[in-house]
Amino acid sequence: IQRIGFQWEWNKNELVFSGLPAQLQTEELDDCLQLILEQIHNEQIDVGEIAHVLITAVAKASAKSNKAKLTNEECAHLIEQLFSAKEHQYCPSGNKIMTTIELSKLIDQL
């Protein structure tokens, strides 16, 4: 937990945070802790998965605060950049990020 930036102390029965991961704002702490607690409460978490749960919760909580909306021009530019790439269906690490589904197959799946 400390490796990703959390620093805290116990004050009687109260957990007092003195440091947060750089991408997490103070006002996002409640959302982050809620996500962590929900994940731990709703699923059996292996000790090895706790770091993954923490990092995922930090990412989700910090993403919620980014309220900046793209303009239509910015969206069009991003789409143009995506489809101008030779292998636009794959991220740089090789994982598939999108697929094309024919309309008839999509209707069949519904």
Protein backbone atom coordinates (compact mmCIF):
# COMPACT_ATOMS: atom_id res chain seq x y z
CA ILE A 1 0.00 0.00 0.00
CA GLN A 2 2.85 2.36 0.82
CA ARG A 3 4.58 1.58 -2.50
CA ILE A 4 1.73 3.16 -4.46
CA GLY A 5 1.73 6.27 -2.31
CA PHE A 6 -0.59 5.77 0.67
CA GLN A 7 0.77 6.96 4.01
CA TRP A 8 -1.27 6.78 7.18
CA GLU A 9 -1.29 6.56 10.94
CA TRP A 10 -3.78 5.14 13.40
CA ASN A 11 -5.16 7.67 15.88
CA LYS A 12 -7.10 5.55 18.36
CA ASN A 13 -9.77 3.91 16.14
CA GLU A 14 -9.35 6.41 13.32
CA LEU A 15 -7.23 6.01 10.19
CA VAL A 16 -5.51 9.31 9.36
CA PHE A 17 -3.96 9.65 5.89
CA SER A 18 -0.87 11.81 5.56
CA GLY A 19 -0.02 10.87 1.96
CA LEU A 20 -1.90 9.75 -1.15
CA PRO A 21 -0.82 8.43 -4.56
CA ALA A 22 0.15 11.35 -6.81
CA GLN A 23 -2.77 10.86 -9.21
CA LEU A 24 -5.36 10.77 -6.42
CA GLN A 25 -6.75 14.04 -5.12
CA THR A 26 -7.84 14.41 -1.48
CA GLU A 27 -11.51 14.69 -2.46
CA GLU A 28 -11.24 11.36 -4.34
CA LEU A 29 -10.07 9.44 -1.27
CA ASP A 30 -13.60 8.50 -0.15
CA ASP A 31 -14.46 7.09 -3.61
CA CYS A 32 -11.20 5.16 -3.68
CA LEU A 33 -11.68 3.65 -0.23
CA GLN A 34 -15.29 2.78 -1.06
CA LEU A 35 -14.16 0.94 -4.21
CA ILE A 36 -11.53 -0.96 -2.23
CA LEU A 37 -13.97 -1.94 0.51
CA GLU A 38 -16.64 -3.03 -2.01
CA GLN A 39 -14.14 -5.20 -3.85
CA ILE A 40 -12.87 -6.83 -0.67
CA HIS A 41 -16.39 -7.29 0.75
CA ASN A 42 -17.98 -8.69 -2.44
CA GLU A 43 -15.25 -11.10 -3.48
CA GLN A 44 -12.76 -13.48 -2.01
CA ILE A 45 -9.49 -11.59 -2.45
CA ASP A 46 -6.22 -13.48 -2.50
CA VAL A 47 -3.36 -11.71 -0.74
CA GLY A 48 -1.55 -11.46 -4.08
CA GLU A 49 -4.51 -9.62 -5.60
CA ILE A 50 -4.71 -6.85 -3.01
CA ALA A 51 -2.19 -4.66 -4.85
CA HIS A 52 -4.20 -5.08 -8.06
CA VAL A 53 -7.41 -4.12 -6.24
CA LEU A 54 -5.73 -1.04 -4.75
CA ILE A 55 -4.25 0.13 -8.05
CA THR A 56 -7.56 -0.41 -9.85
CA ALA A 57 -9.44 1.56 -7.18
CA VAL A 58 -6.93 4.43 -7.35
CA ALA A 59 -7.22 4.52 -11.15
CA LYS A 60 -11.03 4.49 -11.09
CA ALA A 61 -11.29 7.13 -8.38
CA SER A 62 -8.79 9.43 -10.06
CA ALA A 63 -10.47 8.99 -13.45
CA LYS A 64 -13.81 10.15 -12.01
CA SER A 65 -12.37 13.56 -11.24
CA ASN A 66 -11.31 14.26 -14.82
CA LYS A 67 -14.43 16.13 -15.85
CA ALA A 68 -12.88 17.83 -18.89
CA LYS A 69 -14.97 17.12 -21.96
CA LEU A 70 -13.50 16.99 -25.44
CA THR A 71 -14.84 19.25 -28.13
CA ASN A 72 -16.26 17.72 -31.31
CA GLU A 73 -13.05 18.72 -33.10
CA GLU A 74 -10.88 17.03 -30.45
CA CYS A 75 -12.99 13.86 -30.67
CA ALA A 76 -12.75 13.85 -34.45
CA HIS A 77 -8.98 14.33 -34.24
CA LEU A 78 -8.59 11.39 -31.83
CA ILE A 79 -10.71 9.14 -34.05
CA GLU A 80 -8.72 10.23 -37.11
CA GLN A 81 -5.46 9.44 -35.32
CA LEU A 82 -6.75 6.04 -34.20
CA PHE A 83 -7.87 4.93 -37.65
CA SER A 84 -4.78 6.30 -39.39
CA ALA A 85 -2.62 3.86 -37.42
CA LYS A 86 -1.69 0.71 -39.33
CA GLU A 87 -2.84 -1.61 -36.54
CA HIS A 88 -5.61 0.44 -34.93
CA GLN A 89 -7.31 -2.57 -33.35
CA TYR A 90 -4.34 -3.29 -31.07
CA CYS A 91 -2.61 -1.33 -28.32
CA PRO A 92 1.20 -1.03 -28.35
CA SER A 93 1.51 -4.06 -26.06
CA GLY A 94 -0.36 -6.19 -28.63
CA ASN A 95 -3.68 -6.55 -26.80
CA LYS A 96 -6.79 -6.18 -28.93
CA ILE A 97 -8.68 -3.02 -27.97
CA MET A 98 -11.53 -3.10 -30.47
CA THR A 99 -13.26 -5.36 -32.94
CA THR A 100 -15.65 -4.85 -35.80
CA ILE A 101 -18.95 -6.72 -35.58
CA GLU A 102 -21.31 -7.00 -38.50
CA LEU A 103 -24.76 -5.55 -37.81
CA SER A 104 -26.47 -8.90 -38.49
CA LYS A 105 -24.24 -10.67 -35.92
CA LEU A 106 -24.87 -7.92 -33.38
CA ILE A 107 -28.64 -8.28 -33.86
CA ASP A 108 -28.32 -12.07 -33.47
CA GLN A 109 -26.53 -11.56 -30.12
CA LEU A 110 -29.38 -9.41 -28.81
